[in-house]
């Protein structure tokens, strides 16, 4: 978003916040996943890091959000959907 669409750090953070809010509403009906791809050369720059930090705080404070790893998601899925025999 920053590189290809010439967005600012504020734009990137606002998109994360808006996406989390929308997905939180959608998650009442179905499970959803949001991955956020970053690179320190982009989000870690002084003019962007404050905005990125704001977005991450919003994610962490949103009710029902599970901050996790792909491996933890796979492990959880295995507990509810055993592998075929």
C-alpha atoms as a PDB file:
ATOM      1  CA  UNK A   1       0.000   0.000   0.000  1.00  0.00           C
ATOM      2  CA  UNK A   2       2.804   2.414   0.817  1.00  0.00           C
ATOM      3  CA  UNK A   3       5.015   1.478  -2.133  1.00  0.00           C
ATOM      4  CA  UNK A   4       2.585   0.626  -4.905  1.00  0.00           C
ATOM      5  CA  UNK A   5      -0.164   3.100  -4.031  1.00  0.00           C
ATOM      6  CA  UNK A   6       2.056   5.863  -2.595  1.00  0.00           C
ATOM      7  CA  UNK A   7       0.122   5.844   0.648  1.00  0.00           C
ATOM      8  CA  UNK A   8       1.299   7.543   3.808  1.00  0.00           C
ATOM      9  CA  UNK A   9       1.863   5.949   7.186  1.00  0.00           C
ATOM     10  CA  UNK A  10      -1.429   7.480   8.287  1.00  0.00           C
ATOM     11  CA  UNK A  11      -3.210   5.939   5.278  1.00  0.00           C
ATOM     12  CA  UNK A  12      -1.754   2.515   6.067  1.00  0.00           C
ATOM     13  CA  UNK A  13      -2.771   2.712   9.726  1.00  0.00           C
ATOM     14  CA  UNK A  14      -6.259   3.949   8.860  1.00  0.00           C
ATOM     15  CA  UNK A  15      -6.738   1.021   6.482  1.00  0.00           C
ATOM     16  CA  UNK A  16      -5.717  -1.419   9.216  1.00  0.00           C
ATOM     17  CA  UNK A  17      -8.116   0.181  11.721  1.00  0.00           C
ATOM     18  CA  UNK A  18     -11.004   0.226   9.237  1.00  0.00           C
ATOM     19  CA  UNK A  19     -10.327  -3.369   8.197  1.00  0.00           C
ATOM     20  CA  UNK A  20     -10.193  -4.608  11.793  1.00  0.00           C
ATOM     21  CA  UNK A  21     -13.454  -2.844  12.611  1.00  0.00           C
ATOM     22  CA  UNK A  22     -15.174  -4.337   9.551  1.00  0.00           C
ATOM     23  CA  UNK A  23     -13.821  -7.830  10.187  1.00  0.00           C
ATOM     24  CA  UNK A  24     -14.850  -7.626  13.855  1.00  0.00           C
ATOM     25  CA  UNK A  25     -18.426  -7.109  12.667  1.00  0.00           C
ATOM     26  CA  UNK A  26     -18.167  -9.898  10.090  1.00  0.00           C
ATOM     27  CA  UNK A  27     -16.706 -12.271  12.673  1.00  0.00           C
ATOM     28  CA  UNK A  28     -20.081 -12.421  14.401  1.00  0.00           C
ATOM     29  CA  UNK A  29     -21.235 -14.579  11.469  1.00  0.00           C
ATOM     30  CA  UNK A  30     -18.046 -16.435  10.469  1.00  0.00           C
ATOM     31  CA  UNK A  31     -14.385 -16.803  11.323  1.00  0.00           C
ATOM     32  CA  UNK A  32     -12.084 -14.312   9.629  1.00  0.00           C
ATOM     33  CA  UNK A  33      -8.325 -13.852   9.381  1.00  0.00           C
ATOM     34  CA  UNK A  34      -6.324 -10.688   8.797  1.00  0.00           C
ATOM     35  CA  UNK A  35      -2.633 -10.769   8.074  1.00  0.00           C
ATOM     36  CA  UNK A  36      -0.651  -7.537   8.017  1.00  0.00           C
ATOM     37  CA  UNK A  37       2.497  -7.584   5.907  1.00  0.00           C
ATOM     38  CA  UNK A  38       5.175  -5.137   6.933  1.00  0.00           C
ATOM     39  CA  UNK A  39       8.814  -4.320   6.374  1.00  0.00           C
ATOM     40  CA  UNK A  40      10.924  -2.238   8.714  1.00  0.00           C
ATOM     41  CA  UNK A  41      12.161  -0.118   5.797  1.00  0.00           C
ATOM     42  CA  UNK A  42       8.570   1.021   5.345  1.00  0.00           C
ATOM     43  CA  UNK A  43       6.618   0.885   8.611  1.00  0.00           C
ATOM     44  CA  UNK A  44       9.682   1.397  10.785  1.00  0.00           C
ATOM     45  CA  UNK A  45      10.518   4.838   9.423  1.00  0.00           C
ATOM     46  CA  UNK A  46      10.096   7.716  11.876  1.00  0.00           C
ATOM     47  CA  UNK A  47       7.281   9.336   9.870  1.00  0.00           C
ATOM     48  CA  UNK A  48       5.315   6.060   9.772  1.00  0.00           C
ATOM     49  CA  UNK A  49       6.064   4.128  12.954  1.00  0.00           C
ATOM     50  CA  UNK A  50       3.782   6.208  15.188  1.00  0.00           C
ATOM     51  CA  UNK A  51       0.835   5.544  12.877  1.00  0.00           C
ATOM     52  CA  UNK A  52       1.661   1.837  12.664  1.00  0.00           C
ATOM     53  CA  UNK A  53       1.888   1.636  16.455  1.00  0.00           C
ATOM     54  CA  UNK A  54      -1.565   3.270  16.711  1.00  0.00           C
ATOM     55  CA  UNK A  55      -3.006   0.673  14.356  1.00  0.00           C
ATOM     56  CA  UNK A  56      -1.447  -2.217  16.285  1.00  0.00           C
ATOM     57  CA  UNK A  57      -2.823  -0.879  19.560  1.00  0.00           C
ATOM     58  CA  UNK A  58      -6.262  -0.743  17.973  1.00  0.00           C
ATOM     59  CA  UNK A  59      -5.936  -4.350  16.810  1.00  0.00           C
ATOM     60  CA  UNK A  60      -4.817  -5.519  20.251  1.00  0.00           C
ATOM     61  CA  UNK A  61      -7.642  -3.649  22.014  1.00  0.00           C
ATOM     62  CA  UNK A  62     -10.422  -4.908  19.734  1.00  0.00           C
ATOM     63  CA  UNK A  63     -12.634  -7.395  21.562  1.00  0.00           C
ATOM     64  CA  UNK A  64     -12.404 -10.954  20.295  1.00  0.00           C
ATOM     65  CA  UNK A  65      -9.135 -10.520  18.384  1.00  0.00           C
ATOM     66  CA  UNK A  66      -6.714 -13.405  18.718  1.00  0.00           C
ATOM     67  CA  UNK A  67      -3.137 -12.261  18.043  1.00  0.00           C
ATOM     68  CA  UNK A  68      -1.409 -15.437  16.963  1.00  0.00           C
ATOM     69  CA  UNK A  69       0.768 -17.212  14.442  1.00  0.00           C
ATOM     70  CA  UNK A  70      -0.123 -19.359  11.427  1.00  0.00           C
ATOM     71  CA  UNK A  71       1.157 -22.405  13.317  1.00  0.00           C
ATOM     72  CA  UNK A  72      -1.180 -21.725  16.234  1.00  0.00           C
ATOM     73  CA  UNK A  73      -4.092 -21.363  13.830  1.00  0.00           C
ATOM     74  CA  UNK A  74      -3.215 -24.722  12.252  1.00  0.00           C
ATOM     75  CA  UNK A  75      -2.906 -26.356  15.680  1.00  0.00           C
ATOM     76  CA  UNK A  76      -6.305 -24.994  16.710  1.00  0.00           C
ATOM     77  CA  UNK A  77      -7.916 -26.136  13.472  1.00  0.00           C
ATOM     78  CA  UNK A  78      -6.576 -29.665  14.053  1.00  0.00           C
ATOM     79  CA  UNK A  79      -8.429 -29.765  17.384  1.00  0.00           C
ATOM     80  CA  UNK A  80     -11.752 -29.012  15.736  1.00  0.00           C
ATOM     81  CA  UNK A  81     -11.229 -30.810  12.416  1.00  0.00           C
ATOM     82  CA  UNK A  82      -9.185 -34.007  12.783  1.00  0.00           C
ATOM     83  CA  UNK A  83      -7.149 -35.147   9.773  1.00  0.00           C
ATOM     84  CA  UNK A  84      -8.786 -37.665   7.450  1.00  0.00           C
ATOM     85  CA  UNK A  85      -8.059 -41.313   8.144  1.00  0.00           C
END
